[in-house]
Amino acid sequence: MLKKLALAAITAMSFVGSAHAVAMLGQEPDPTLIVDIGGLEWVYAAPCAGKSPSCGVVQLSHGFAFATDAQWLASFSNIAALKSAFTFSNGSVKCAAAYFSTAHNHCDFGDVSNGFYLAFTFSA
């Protein structure tokens, strides 16, 4: 079974600073941030595309890799399903950017809602 899909989308919710963003870079993400859907475990890994050119690169660790279109489509039927899966009951976003983004420690659904979602990753 494929394990740990890290999801990177685009935009900013609350910028704290890139120095703090790298504090947990490369560490195992908090289990409460992992979404188990479609036989895969997904993580919202950054507010930007995971590869350059972007506003910050996703640093893959713990066996993570970028997901295929087929993996993405097998897990999320639409943007509403994606947003629902990555929203805690209190309305906050399940964000693991501090573990994967080289520049950010926040996530935002702003650009995701507009159809900008790139750089999904997975691990076997």
PDB file of N, CA and C in Angstrom:
ATOM      1  N   MET A   1       0.841  -1.180   0.000  1.00  0.00           N
ATOM      2  CA  MET A   1       0.000   0.000   0.000  1.00  0.00           C
ATOM      3  C   MET A   1       0.883   1.239   0.000  1.00  0.00           C
ATOM      4  N   LEU A   2       0.550   2.136  -0.861  1.00  0.00           N
ATOM      5  CA  LEU A   2       1.299   3.389  -0.881  1.00  0.00           C
ATOM      6  C   LEU A   2       1.050   4.119   0.421  1.00  0.00           C
ATOM      7  N   LYS A   3       2.035   4.809   0.880  1.00  0.00           N
ATOM      8  CA  LYS A   3       1.942   5.461   2.167  1.00  0.00           C
ATOM      9  C   LYS A   3       2.329   6.916   2.041  1.00  0.00           C
ATOM     10  N   LYS A   4       1.729   7.724   2.807  1.00  0.00           N
ATOM     11  CA  LYS A   4       2.078   9.126   2.974  1.00  0.00           C
ATOM     12  C   LYS A   4       2.117   9.933   1.690  1.00  0.00           C
ATOM     13  N   LEU A   5       1.046  10.434   1.285  1.00  0.00           N
ATOM     14  CA  LEU A   5       1.052  11.337   0.141  1.00  0.00           C
ATOM     15  C   LEU A   5       1.124  12.755   0.667  1.00  0.00           C
ATOM     16  N   ALA A   6       2.122  13.445   0.267  1.00  0.00           N
ATOM     17  CA  ALA A   6       2.233  14.827   0.725  1.00  0.00           C
ATOM     18  C   ALA A   6       1.692  15.738  -0.355  1.00  0.00           C
ATOM     19  N   LEU A   7       0.896  16.633   0.058  1.00  0.00           N
ATOM     20  CA  LEU A   7       0.190  17.493  -0.861  1.00  0.00           C
ATOM     21  C   LEU A   7       0.677  18.918  -0.709  1.00  0.00           C
ATOM     22  N   ALA A   8       1.088  19.494  -1.814  1.00  0.00           N
ATOM     23  CA  ALA A   8       1.492  20.885  -1.768  1.00  0.00           C
ATOM     24  C   ALA A   8       0.577  21.679  -2.670  1.00  0.00           C
ATOM     25  N   ALA A   9       0.014  22.736  -2.207  1.00  0.00           N
ATOM     26  CA  ALA A   9      -0.831  23.611  -3.004  1.00  0.00           C
ATOM     27  C   ALA A   9      -0.198  24.987  -3.025  1.00  0.00           C
ATOM     28  N   ILE A  10      -0.987  26.049  -3.132  1.00  0.00           N
ATOM     29  CA  ILE A  10      -0.426  27.373  -3.314  1.00  0.00           C
ATOM     30  C   ILE A  10      -1.091  28.411  -2.435  1.00  0.00           C
ATOM     31  N   THR A  11      -0.382  29.481  -2.065  1.00  0.00           N
ATOM     32  CA  THR A  11      -0.810  30.726  -1.411  1.00  0.00           C
ATOM     33  C   THR A  11      -0.480  30.803   0.058  1.00  0.00           C
ATOM     34  N   ALA A  12      -0.855  31.903   0.711  1.00  0.00           N
ATOM     35  CA  ALA A  12      -0.467  32.130   2.099  1.00  0.00           C
ATOM     36  C   ALA A  12      -1.655  32.346   3.004  1.00  0.00           C
ATOM     37  N   MET A  13      -1.627  31.714   4.165  1.00  0.00           N
ATOM     38  CA  MET A  13      -2.682  31.923   5.154  1.00  0.00           C
ATOM     39  C   MET A  13      -2.156  32.822   6.261  1.00  0.00           C
ATOM     40  N   SER A  14      -0.979  32.518   6.774  1.00  0.00           N
ATOM     41  CA  SER A  14      -0.384  33.355   7.814  1.00  0.00           C
ATOM     42  C   SER A  14       1.121  33.185   7.774  1.00  0.00           C
ATOM     43  N   PHE A  15       1.820  34.117   7.166  1.00  0.00           N
ATOM     44  CA  PHE A  15       3.261  34.022   7.012  1.00  0.00           C
ATOM     45  C   PHE A  15       3.957  34.361   8.318  1.00  0.00           C
ATOM     46  N   VAL A  16       4.786  33.448   8.804  1.00  0.00           N
ATOM     47  CA  VAL A  16       5.509  33.666  10.049  1.00  0.00           C
ATOM     48  C   VAL A  16       6.979  33.921   9.772  1.00  0.00           C
ATOM     49  N   GLY A  17       7.493  33.388   8.688  1.00  0.00           N
ATOM     50  CA  GLY A  17       8.888  33.629   8.350  1.00  0.00           C
ATOM     51  C   GLY A  17       9.587  32.353   7.949  1.00  0.00           C
ATOM     52  N   SER A  18      10.512  32.469   7.006  1.00  0.00           N
ATOM     53  CA  SER A  18      11.169  31.285   6.493  1.00  0.00           C
ATOM     54  C   SER A  18      12.132  30.670   7.490  1.00  0.00           C
ATOM     55  N   ALA A  19      12.696  31.427   8.405  1.00  0.00           N
ATOM     56  CA  ALA A  19      13.607  30.857   9.399  1.00  0.00           C
ATOM     57  C   ALA A  19      12.875  29.836  10.257  1.00  0.00           C
ATOM     58  N   HIS A  20      11.676  30.175  10.696  1.00  0.00           N
ATOM     59  CA  HIS A  20      10.890  29.236  11.494  1.00  0.00           C
ATOM     60  C   HIS A  20      10.386  28.084  10.640  1.00  0.00           C
ATOM     61  N   ALA A  21      10.178  28.330   9.363  1.00  0.00           N
ATOM     62  CA  ALA A  21       9.633  27.307   8.470  1.00  0.00           C
ATOM     63  C   ALA A  21      10.544  26.096   8.375  1.00  0.00           C
ATOM     64  N   VAL A  22      11.836  26.263   8.497  1.00  0.00           N
ATOM     65  CA  VAL A  22      12.757  25.146   8.369  1.00  0.00           C
ATOM     66  C   VAL A  22      13.028  24.450   9.697  1.00  0.00           C
ATOM     67  N   ALA A  23      12.429  24.893  10.785  1.00  0.00           N
ATOM     68  CA  ALA A  23      12.687  24.328  12.104  1.00  0.00           C
ATOM     69  C   ALA A  23      12.367  22.836  12.183  1.00  0.00           C
ATOM     70  N   MET A  24      11.328  22.372  11.516  1.00  0.00           N
ATOM     71  CA  MET A  24      10.937  20.959  11.554  1.00  0.00           C
ATOM     72  C   MET A  24      11.174  20.260  10.224  1.00  0.00           C
ATOM     73  N   LEU A  25      11.826  20.924   9.298  1.00  0.00           N
ATOM     74  CA  LEU A  25      12.079  20.383   7.970  1.00  0.00           C
ATOM     75  C   LEU A  25      12.762  19.021   8.070  1.00  0.00           C
ATOM     76  N   GLY A  26      12.187  18.031   7.412  1.00  0.00           N
ATOM     77  CA  GLY A  26      12.767  16.693   7.389  1.00  0.00           C
ATOM     78  C   GLY A  26      12.312  15.774   8.508  1.00  0.00           C
ATOM     79  N   GLN A  27      11.628  16.306   9.508  1.00  0.00           N
ATOM     80  CA  GLN A  27      11.122  15.467  10.591  1.00  0.00           C
ATOM     81  C   GLN A  27       9.839  14.765  10.155  1.00  0.00           C
ATOM     82  N   GLU A  28       9.492  13.685  10.836  1.00  0.00           N
ATOM     83  CA  GLU A  28       8.241  12.963  10.571  1.00  0.00           C
ATOM     84  C   GLU A  28       7.068  13.883  10.892  1.00  0.00           C
ATOM     85  N   PRO A  29       6.088  14.016   9.982  1.00  0.00           N
ATOM     86  CA  PRO A  29       4.956  14.911  10.258  1.00  0.00           C
ATOM     87  C   PRO A  29       4.060  14.393  11.382  1.00  0.00           C
ATOM     88  N   ASP A  30       3.438  15.313  12.077  1.00  0.00           N
ATOM     89  CA  ASP A  30       2.480  15.002  13.138  1.00  0.00           C
ATOM     90  C   ASP A  30       1.371  14.121  12.559  1.00  0.00           C
ATOM     91  N   PRO A  31       1.057  12.991  13.178  1.00  0.00           N
ATOM     92  CA  PRO A  31       0.017  12.091  12.657  1.00  0.00           C
ATOM     93  C   PRO A  31      -1.358  12.743  12.500  1.00  0.00           C
ATOM     94  N   THR A  32      -1.657  13.774  13.261  1.00  0.00           N
ATOM     95  CA  THR A  32      -2.960  14.439  13.126  1.00  0.00           C
ATOM     96  C   THR A  32      -3.065  15.221  11.823  1.00  0.00           C
ATOM     97  N   LEU A  33      -1.944  15.416  11.131  1.00  0.00           N
ATOM     98  CA  LEU A  33      -1.935  16.153   9.871  1.00  0.00           C
ATOM     99  C   LEU A  33      -2.057  15.233   8.661  1.00  0.00           C
ATOM    100  N   ILE A  34      -2.019  13.927   8.889  1.00  0.00           N
ATOM    101  CA  ILE A  34      -2.086  12.941   7.809  1.00  0.00           C
ATOM    102  C   ILE A  34      -3.542  12.601   7.510  1.00  0.00           C
ATOM    103  N   VAL A  35      -3.892  12.632   6.232  1.00  0.00           N
ATOM    104  CA  VAL A  35      -5.244  12.309   5.770  1.00  0.00           C
ATOM    105  C   VAL A  35      -5.171  10.990   5.011  1.00  0.00           C
ATOM    106  N   ASP A  36      -5.936   9.996   5.442  1.00  0.00           N
ATOM    107  CA  ASP A  36      -5.939   8.663   4.845  1.00  0.00           C
ATOM    108  C   ASP A  36      -7.133   8.527   3.903  1.00  0.00           C
ATOM    109  N   ILE A  37      -6.857   8.599   2.599  1.00  0.00           N
ATOM    110  CA  ILE A  37      -7.917   8.536   1.577  1.00  0.00           C
ATOM    111  C   ILE A  37      -7.399   7.773   0.360  1.00  0.00           C
ATOM    112  N   GLY A  38      -8.248   6.967  -0.234  1.00  0.00           N
ATOM    113  CA  GLY A  38      -7.892   6.259  -1.457  1.00  0.00           C
ATOM    114  C   GLY A  38      -6.759   5.269  -1.277  1.00  0.00           C
ATOM    115  N   GLY A  39      -6.610   4.721  -0.068  1.00  0.00           N
ATOM    116  CA  GLY A  39      -5.522   3.793   0.204  1.00  0.00           C
ATOM    117  C   GLY A  39      -4.173   4.468   0.331  1.00  0.00           C
ATOM    118  N   LEU A  40      -4.172   5.783   0.411  1.00  0.00           N
ATOM    119  CA  LEU A  40      -2.940   6.558   0.517  1.00  0.00           C
ATOM    120  C   LEU A  40      -3.027   7.502   1.707  1.00  0.00           C
ATOM    121  N   GLU A  41      -1.883   7.882   2.229  1.00  0.00           N
ATOM    122  CA  GLU A  41      -1.829   8.883   3.285  1.00  0.00           C
ATOM    123  C   GLU A  41      -1.309  10.181   2.682  1.00  0.00           C
ATOM    124  N   TRP A  42      -2.102  11.236   2.812  1.00  0.00           N
ATOM    125  CA  TRP A  42      -1.802  12.531   2.221  1.00  0.00           C
ATOM    126  C   TRP A  42      -1.417  13.545   3.285  1.00  0.00           C
ATOM    127  N   VAL A  43      -0.531  14.457   2.922  1.00  0.00           N
ATOM    128  CA  VAL A  43      -0.154  15.569   3.789  1.00  0.00           C
ATOM    129  C   VAL A  43      -0.128  16.839   2.945  1.00  0.00           C
ATOM    130  N   TYR A  44      -0.703  17.918   3.474  1.00  0.00           N
ATOM    131  CA  TYR A  44      -0.668  19.237   2.822  1.00  0.00           C
ATOM    132  C   TYR A  44       0.715  19.807   3.125  1.00  0.00           C
ATOM    133  N   ALA A  45       1.629  19.752   2.152  1.00  0.00           N
ATOM    134  CA  ALA A  45       3.045  19.972   2.404  1.00  0.00           C
ATOM    135  C   ALA A  45       3.544  21.393   2.216  1.00  0.00           C
ATOM    136  N   ALA A  46       2.819  22.254   1.537  1.00  0.00           N
ATOM    137  CA  ALA A  46       3.315  23.610   1.318  1.00  0.00           C
ATOM    138  C   ALA A  46       2.249  24.468   0.656  1.00  0.00           C
ATOM    139  N   PRO A  47       2.385  25.785   0.776  1.00  0.00           N
ATOM    140  CA  PRO A  47       1.443  26.680   0.115  1.00  0.00           C
ATOM    141  C   PRO A  47       1.807  26.953  -1.341  1.00  0.00           C
ATOM    142  N   CYS A  48       2.901  26.403  -1.820  1.00  0.00           N
ATOM    143  CA  CYS A  48       3.392  26.664  -3.176  1.00  0.00           C
ATOM    144  C   CYS A  48       3.607  25.353  -3.915  1.00  0.00           C
ATOM    145  N   ALA A  49       3.817  25.451  -5.212  1.00  0.00           N
ATOM    146  CA  ALA A  49       4.167  24.271  -5.991  1.00  0.00           C
ATOM    147  C   ALA A  49       5.421  23.652  -5.399  1.00  0.00           C
ATOM    148  N   GLY A  50       5.508  22.345  -5.444  1.00  0.00           N
ATOM    149  CA  GLY A  50       6.613  21.646  -4.807  1.00  0.00           C
ATOM    150  C   GLY A  50       7.935  21.706  -5.523  1.00  0.00           C
ATOM    151  N   LYS A  51       7.930  22.119  -6.774  1.00  0.00           N
ATOM    152  CA  LYS A  51       9.160  22.188  -7.558  1.00  0.00           C
ATOM    153  C   LYS A  51       9.364  23.605  -8.054  1.00  0.00           C
ATOM    154  N   SER A  52      10.604  23.951  -8.356  1.00  0.00           N
ATOM    155  CA  SER A  52      10.918  25.270  -8.907  1.00  0.00           C
ATOM    156  C   SER A  52      10.417  25.341 -10.339  1.00  0.00           C
ATOM    157  N   PRO A  53      10.022  26.498 -10.834  1.00  0.00           N
ATOM    158  CA  PRO A  53       9.952  27.763 -10.114  1.00  0.00           C
ATOM    159  C   PRO A  53       8.719  27.792  -9.216  1.00  0.00           C
ATOM    160  N   SER A  54       8.892  28.306  -8.050  1.00  0.00           N
ATOM    161  CA  SER A  54       7.827  28.359  -7.064  1.00  0.00           C
ATOM    162  C   SER A  54       8.209  29.373  -5.995  1.00  0.00           C
ATOM    163  N   CYS A  55       7.323  29.566  -5.047  1.00  0.00           N
ATOM    164  CA  CYS A  55       7.626  30.492  -3.949  1.00  0.00           C
ATOM    165  C   CYS A  55       8.314  29.771  -2.803  1.00  0.00           C
ATOM    166  N   GLY A  56       8.715  28.545  -3.026  1.00  0.00           N
ATOM    167  CA  GLY A  56       9.401  27.737  -2.030  1.00  0.00           C
ATOM    168  C   GLY A  56       9.325  26.287  -2.456  1.00  0.00           C
ATOM    169  N   VAL A  57      10.395  25.556  -2.317  1.00  0.00           N
ATOM    170  CA  VAL A  57      10.470  24.183  -2.785  1.00  0.00           C
ATOM    171  C   VAL A  57      10.093  23.219  -1.661  1.00  0.00           C
ATOM    172  N   VAL A  58       9.418  22.129  -2.011  1.00  0.00           N
ATOM    173  CA  VAL A  58       9.123  21.067  -1.057  1.00  0.00           C
ATOM    174  C   VAL A  58      10.345  20.169  -0.967  1.00  0.00           C
ATOM    175  N   GLN A  59      10.836  19.960   0.250  1.00  0.00           N
ATOM    176  CA  GLN A  59      11.960  19.058   0.480  1.00  0.00           C
ATOM    177  C   GLN A  59      11.390  17.705   0.880  1.00  0.00           C
ATOM    178  N   LEU A  60      11.536  16.729   0.010  1.00  0.00           N
ATOM    179  CA  LEU A  60      10.988  15.404   0.253  1.00  0.00           C
ATOM    180  C   LEU A  60      11.830  14.659   1.283  1.00  0.00           C
ATOM    181  N   SER A  61      11.161  13.943   2.184  1.00  0.00           N
ATOM    182  CA  SER A  61      11.841  13.141   3.198  1.00  0.00           C
ATOM    183  C   SER A  61      10.946  11.979   3.586  1.00  0.00           C
ATOM    184  N   HIS A  62      11.487  11.030   4.321  1.00  0.00           N
ATOM    185  CA  HIS A  62      10.736   9.868   4.801  1.00  0.00           C
ATOM    186  C   HIS A  62      10.069   9.109   3.661  1.00  0.00           C
ATOM    187  N   GLY A  63      10.744   9.022   2.508  1.00  0.00           N
ATOM    188  CA  GLY A  63      10.234   8.267   1.376  1.00  0.00           C
ATOM    189  C   GLY A  63       9.184   8.969   0.537  1.00  0.00           C
ATOM    190  N   PHE A  64       8.971  10.255   0.750  1.00  0.00           N
ATOM    191  CA  PHE A  64       7.960  10.988  -0.017  1.00  0.00           C
ATOM    192  C   PHE A  64       8.433  11.233  -1.444  1.00  0.00           C
ATOM    193  N   ALA A  65       7.485  11.274  -2.362  1.00  0.00           N
ATOM    194  CA  ALA A  65       7.732  11.566  -3.772  1.00  0.00           C
ATOM    195  C   ALA A  65       6.497  12.271  -4.318  1.00  0.00           C
ATOM    196  N   PHE A  66       6.600  12.859  -5.487  1.00  0.00           N
ATOM    197  CA  PHE A  66       5.458  13.547  -6.075  1.00  0.00           C
ATOM    198  C   PHE A  66       4.472  12.542  -6.664  1.00  0.00           C
ATOM    199  N   ALA A  67       3.200  12.731  -6.387  1.00  0.00           N
ATOM    200  CA  ALA A  67       2.147  11.813  -6.835  1.00  0.00           C
ATOM    201  C   ALA A  67       1.814  12.012  -8.308  1.00  0.00           C
ATOM    202  N   THR A  68       1.260  10.983  -8.885  1.00  0.00           N
ATOM    203  CA  THR A  68       0.809  11.048 -10.276  1.00  0.00           C
ATOM    204  C   THR A  68      -0.608  11.613 -10.329  1.00  0.00           C
ATOM    205  N   ASP A  69      -1.036  11.987 -11.512  1.00  0.00           N
ATOM    206  CA  ASP A  69      -2.414  12.441 -11.699  1.00  0.00           C
ATOM    207  C   ASP A  69      -3.399  11.350 -11.284  1.00  0.00           C
ATOM    208  N   ALA A  70      -3.086  10.099 -11.614  1.00  0.00           N
ATOM    209  CA  ALA A  70      -3.980   8.986 -11.289  1.00  0.00           C
ATOM    210  C   ALA A  70      -4.142   8.834  -9.775  1.00  0.00           C
ATOM    211  N   GLN A  71      -3.057   8.974  -9.035  1.00  0.00           N
ATOM    212  CA  GLN A  71      -3.137   8.885  -7.572  1.00  0.00           C
ATOM    213  C   GLN A  71      -3.974  10.026  -7.006  1.00  0.00           C
ATOM    214  N   TRP A  72      -3.763  11.204  -7.530  1.00  0.00           N
ATOM    215  CA  TRP A  72      -4.519  12.374  -7.093  1.00  0.00           C
ATOM    216  C   TRP A  72      -6.007  12.170  -7.350  1.00  0.00           C
ATOM    217  N   LEU A  73      -6.359  11.777  -8.577  1.00  0.00           N
ATOM    218  CA  LEU A  73      -7.764  11.621  -8.959  1.00  0.00           C
ATOM    219  C   LEU A  73      -8.444  10.455  -8.240  1.00  0.00           C
ATOM    220  N   ALA A  74      -7.683   9.431  -7.871  1.00  0.00           N
ATOM    221  CA  ALA A  74      -8.251   8.296  -7.141  1.00  0.00           C
ATOM    222  C   ALA A  74      -8.618   8.665  -5.705  1.00  0.00           C
ATOM    223  N   SER A  75      -8.025   9.718  -5.195  1.00  0.00           N
ATOM    224  CA  SER A  75      -8.255  10.097  -3.801  1.00  0.00           C
ATOM    225  C   SER A  75      -9.216  11.265  -3.621  1.00  0.00           C
ATOM    226  N   PHE A  76      -9.228  12.205  -4.551  1.00  0.00           N
ATOM    227  CA  PHE A  76     -10.059  13.406  -4.408  1.00  0.00           C
ATOM    228  C   PHE A  76     -10.870  13.626  -5.681  1.00  0.00           C
ATOM    229  N   SER A  77     -12.190  13.588  -5.551  1.00  0.00           N
ATOM    230  CA  SER A  77     -13.059  13.738  -6.716  1.00  0.00           C
ATOM    231  C   SER A  77     -13.195  15.184  -7.165  1.00  0.00           C
ATOM    232  N   ASN A  78     -12.963  16.121  -6.237  1.00  0.00           N
ATOM    233  CA  ASN A  78     -13.070  17.540  -6.574  1.00  0.00           C
ATOM    234  C   ASN A  78     -12.415  18.385  -5.477  1.00  0.00           C
ATOM    235  N   ILE A  79     -12.370  19.681  -5.682  1.00  0.00           N
ATOM    236  CA  ILE A  79     -11.735  20.589  -4.723  1.00  0.00           C
ATOM    237  C   ILE A  79     -12.466  20.572  -3.382  1.00  0.00           C
ATOM    238  N   ALA A  80     -13.776  20.452  -3.403  1.00  0.00           N
ATOM    239  CA  ALA A  80     -14.540  20.413  -2.145  1.00  0.00           C
ATOM    240  C   ALA A  80     -14.130  19.210  -1.297  1.00  0.00           C
ATOM    241  N   ALA A  81     -13.909  18.057  -1.937  1.00  0.00           N
ATOM    242  CA  ALA A  81     -13.472  16.860  -1.215  1.00  0.00           C
ATOM    243  C   ALA A  81     -12.084  17.069  -0.615  1.00  0.00           C
ATOM    244  N   LEU A  82     -11.205  17.700  -1.376  1.00  0.00           N
ATOM    245  CA  LEU A  82      -9.861  18.006  -0.890  1.00  0.00           C
ATOM    246  C   LEU A  82      -9.921  18.923   0.325  1.00  0.00           C
ATOM    247  N   LYS A  83     -10.664  20.000   0.204  1.00  0.00           N
ATOM    248  CA  LYS A  83     -10.764  20.961   1.303  1.00  0.00           C
ATOM    249  C   LYS A  83     -11.378  20.328   2.546  1.00  0.00           C
ATOM    250  N   SER A  84     -12.388  19.513   2.357  1.00  0.00           N
ATOM    251  CA  SER A  84     -13.028  18.839   3.484  1.00  0.00           C
ATOM    252  C   SER A  84     -12.051  17.905   4.197  1.00  0.00           C
ATOM    253  N   ALA A  85     -11.282  17.155   3.421  1.00  0.00           N
ATOM    254  CA  ALA A  85     -10.325  16.210   4.001  1.00  0.00           C
ATOM    255  C   ALA A  85      -9.240  16.910   4.809  1.00  0.00           C
ATOM    256  N   PHE A  86      -8.866  18.114   4.398  1.00  0.00           N
ATOM    257  CA  PHE A  86      -7.779  18.836   5.058  1.00  0.00           C
ATOM    258  C   PHE A  86      -8.252  19.948   5.982  1.00  0.00           C
ATOM    259  N   THR A  87      -9.467  19.814   6.493  1.00  0.00           N
ATOM    260  CA  THR A  87      -9.984  20.797   7.439  1.00  0.00           C
ATOM    261  C   THR A  87     -10.350  20.097   8.747  1.00  0.00           C
ATOM    262  N   PHE A  88      -9.775  20.578   9.859  1.00  0.00           N
ATOM    263  CA  PHE A  88     -10.138  20.073  11.183  1.00  0.00           C
ATOM    264  C   PHE A  88     -11.562  20.510  11.512  1.00  0.00           C
ATOM    265  N   SER A  89     -12.182  19.877  12.479  1.00  0.00           N
ATOM    266  CA  SER A  89     -13.557  20.211  12.870  1.00  0.00           C
ATOM    267  C   SER A  89     -13.697  21.654  13.351  1.00  0.00           C
ATOM    268  N   ASN A  90     -12.595  22.254  13.820  1.00  0.00           N
ATOM    269  CA  ASN A  90     -12.648  23.660  14.262  1.00  0.00           C
ATOM    270  C   ASN A  90     -12.443  24.648  13.115  1.00  0.00           C
ATOM    271  N   GLY A  91     -12.281  24.136  11.885  1.00  0.00           N
ATOM    272  CA  GLY A  91     -12.125  24.988  10.716  1.00  0.00           C
ATOM    273  C   GLY A  91     -10.693  25.279  10.314  1.00  0.00           C
ATOM    274  N   SER A  92      -9.722  24.907  11.138  1.00  0.00           N
ATOM    275  CA  SER A  92      -8.326  25.154  10.775  1.00  0.00           C
ATOM    276  C   SER A  92      -7.853  24.110   9.763  1.00  0.00           C
ATOM    277  N   VAL A  93      -6.784  24.449   9.045  1.00  0.00           N
ATOM    278  CA  VAL A  93      -6.255  23.604   7.975  1.00  0.00           C
ATOM    279  C   VAL A  93      -5.234  22.617   8.531  1.00  0.00           C
ATOM    280  N   LYS A  94      -5.325  21.363   8.083  1.00  0.00           N
ATOM    281  CA  LYS A  94      -4.332  20.348   8.437  1.00  0.00           C
ATOM    282  C   LYS A  94      -3.101  20.624   7.577  1.00  0.00           C
ATOM    283  N   CYS A  95      -2.141  21.315   8.129  1.00  0.00           N
ATOM    284  CA  CYS A  95      -0.993  21.811   7.370  1.00  0.00           C
ATOM    285  C   CYS A  95       0.315  21.227   7.886  1.00  0.00           C
ATOM    286  N   ALA A  96       1.072  20.596   6.998  1.00  0.00           N
ATOM    287  CA  ALA A  96       2.364  20.021   7.353  1.00  0.00           C
ATOM    288  C   ALA A  96       3.515  20.754   6.671  1.00  0.00           C
ATOM    289  N   ALA A  97       3.291  21.991   6.256  1.00  0.00           N
ATOM    290  CA  ALA A  97       4.325  22.748   5.543  1.00  0.00           C
ATOM    291  C   ALA A  97       5.613  22.884   6.346  1.00  0.00           C
ATOM    292  N   ALA A  98       5.521  23.012   7.649  1.00  0.00           N
ATOM    293  CA  ALA A  98       6.727  23.158   8.470  1.00  0.00           C
ATOM    294  C   ALA A  98       7.642  21.940   8.352  1.00  0.00           C
ATOM    295  N   TYR A  99       7.102  20.800   7.956  1.00  0.00           N
ATOM    296  CA  TYR A  99       7.884  19.572   7.813  1.00  0.00           C
ATOM    297  C   TYR A  99       8.470  19.401   6.411  1.00  0.00           C
ATOM    298  N   PHE A 100       7.935  20.138   5.413  1.00  0.00           N
ATOM    299  CA  PHE A 100       8.327  19.911   4.024  1.00  0.00           C
ATOM    300  C   PHE A 100       8.750  21.147   3.236  1.00  0.00           C
ATOM    301  N   SER A 101       8.250  22.308   3.552  1.00  0.00           N
ATOM    302  CA  SER A 101       8.540  23.507   2.766  1.00  0.00           C
ATOM    303  C   SER A 101       9.851  24.143   3.206  1.00  0.00           C
ATOM    304  N   THR A 102      10.653  24.547   2.227  1.00  0.00           N
ATOM    305  CA  THR A 102      11.916  25.220   2.532  1.00  0.00           C
ATOM    306  C   THR A 102      11.718  26.690   2.854  1.00  0.00           C
ATOM    307  N   ALA A 103      10.507  27.213   2.653  1.00  0.00           N
ATOM    308  CA  ALA A 103      10.288  28.647   2.838  1.00  0.00           C
ATOM    309  C   ALA A 103       9.080  29.008   3.700  1.00  0.00           C
ATOM    310  N   HIS A 104       8.156  28.074   3.923  1.00  0.00           N
ATOM    311  CA  HIS A 104       6.901  28.428   4.599  1.00  0.00           C
ATOM    312  C   HIS A 104       6.519  27.416   5.670  1.00  0.00           C
ATOM    313  N   ASN A 105       5.730  27.863   6.626  1.00  0.00           N
ATOM    314  CA  ASN A 105       5.182  26.958   7.636  1.00  0.00           C
ATOM    315  C   ASN A 105       3.668  27.119   7.735  1.00  0.00           C
ATOM    316  N   HIS A 106       3.039  27.519   6.655  1.00  0.00           N
ATOM    317  CA  HIS A 106       1.591  27.726   6.628  1.00  0.00           C
ATOM    318  C   HIS A 106       1.007  27.096   5.360  1.00  0.00           C
ATOM    319  N   CYS A 107      -0.305  26.929   5.353  1.00  0.00           N
ATOM    320  CA  CYS A 107      -1.047  26.445   4.191  1.00  0.00           C
ATOM    321  C   CYS A 107      -2.289  27.312   4.045  1.00  0.00           C
ATOM    322  N   ASP A 108      -2.846  27.347   2.848  1.00  0.00           N
ATOM    323  CA  ASP A 108      -4.014  28.178   2.587  1.00  0.00           C
ATOM    324  C   ASP A 108      -4.817  27.571   1.445  1.00  0.00           C
ATOM    325  N   PHE A 109      -6.124  27.636   1.567  1.00  0.00           N
ATOM    326  CA  PHE A 109      -6.995  27.122   0.519  1.00  0.00           C
ATOM    327  C   PHE A 109      -7.340  28.172  -0.530  1.00  0.00           C
ATOM    328  N   GLY A 110      -6.836  29.392  -0.420  1.00  0.00           N
ATOM    329  CA  GLY A 110      -7.172  30.450  -1.366  1.00  0.00           C
ATOM    330  C   GLY A 110      -6.946  30.062  -2.810  1.00  0.00           C
ATOM    331  N   ASP A 111      -5.729  29.711  -3.161  1.00  0.00           N
ATOM    332  CA  ASP A 111      -5.440  29.336  -4.541  1.00  0.00           C
ATOM    333  C   ASP A 111      -5.980  27.956  -4.878  1.00  0.00           C
ATOM    334  N   VAL A 112      -6.052  27.071  -3.878  1.00  0.00           N
ATOM    335  CA  VAL A 112      -6.634  25.750  -4.125  1.00  0.00           C
ATOM    336  C   VAL A 112      -8.072  25.918  -4.609  1.00  0.00           C
ATOM    337  N   SER A 113      -8.796  26.823  -3.976  1.00  0.00           N
ATOM    338  CA  SER A 113     -10.187  27.088  -4.369  1.00  0.00           C
ATOM    339  C   SER A 113     -10.285  27.601  -5.796  1.00  0.00           C
ATOM    340  N   ASN A 114      -9.218  28.250  -6.262  1.00  0.00           N
ATOM    341  CA  ASN A 114      -9.180  28.777  -7.624  1.00  0.00           C
ATOM    342  C   ASN A 114      -8.587  27.786  -8.620  1.00  0.00           C
ATOM    343  N   GLY A 115      -8.310  26.561  -8.169  1.00  0.00           N
ATOM    344  CA  GLY A 115      -7.822  25.524  -9.064  1.00  0.00           C
ATOM    345  C   GLY A 115      -6.322  25.396  -9.153  1.00  0.00           C
ATOM    346  N   PHE A 116      -5.589  26.118  -8.322  1.00  0.00           N
ATOM    347  CA  PHE A 116      -4.128  26.018  -8.339  1.00  0.00           C
ATOM    348  C   PHE A 116      -3.683  25.032  -7.263  1.00  0.00           C
ATOM    349  N   TYR A 117      -3.406  23.819  -7.662  1.00  0.00           N
ATOM    350  CA  TYR A 117      -2.932  22.809  -6.725  1.00  0.00           C
ATOM    351  C   TYR A 117      -1.911  21.954  -7.456  1.00  0.00           C
ATOM    352  N   LEU A 118      -0.726  21.924  -6.936  1.00  0.00           N
ATOM    353  CA  LEU A 118       0.390  21.244  -7.580  1.00  0.00           C
ATOM    354  C   LEU A 118       1.217  20.498  -6.549  1.00  0.00           C
ATOM    355  N   ALA A 119       2.106  19.667  -6.996  1.00  0.00           N
ATOM    356  CA  ALA A 119       3.134  19.044  -6.179  1.00  0.00           C
ATOM    357  C   ALA A 119       2.598  18.127  -5.093  1.00  0.00           C
ATOM    358  N   PHE A 120       2.001  17.044  -5.494  1.00  0.00           N
ATOM    359  CA  PHE A 120       1.544  16.042  -4.549  1.00  0.00           C
ATOM    360  C   PHE A 120       2.621  14.974  -4.440  1.00  0.00           C
ATOM    361  N   THR A 121       2.862  14.474  -3.245  1.00  0.00           N
ATOM    362  CA  THR A 121       3.917  13.491  -3.057  1.00  0.00           C
ATOM    363  C   THR A 121       3.413  12.268  -2.311  1.00  0.00           C
ATOM    364  N   PHE A 122       4.119  11.150  -2.459  1.00  0.00           N
ATOM    365  CA  PHE A 122       3.712   9.918  -1.798  1.00  0.00           C
ATOM    366  C   PHE A 122       4.920   9.093  -1.396  1.00  0.00           C
ATOM    367  N   SER A 123       4.674   8.114  -0.559  1.00  0.00           N
ATOM    368  CA  SER A 123       5.695   7.174  -0.125  1.00  0.00           C
ATOM    369  C   SER A 123       5.085   5.782  -0.086  1.00  0.00           C
ATOM    370  N   ALA A 124       5.878   4.778  -0.435  1.00  0.00           N
ATOM    371  CA  ALA A 124       5.389   3.388  -0.394  1.00  0.00           C
ATOM    372  C   ALA A 124       5.568   2.807   0.986  1.00  0.00           C
TER     373      ALA A 124
END
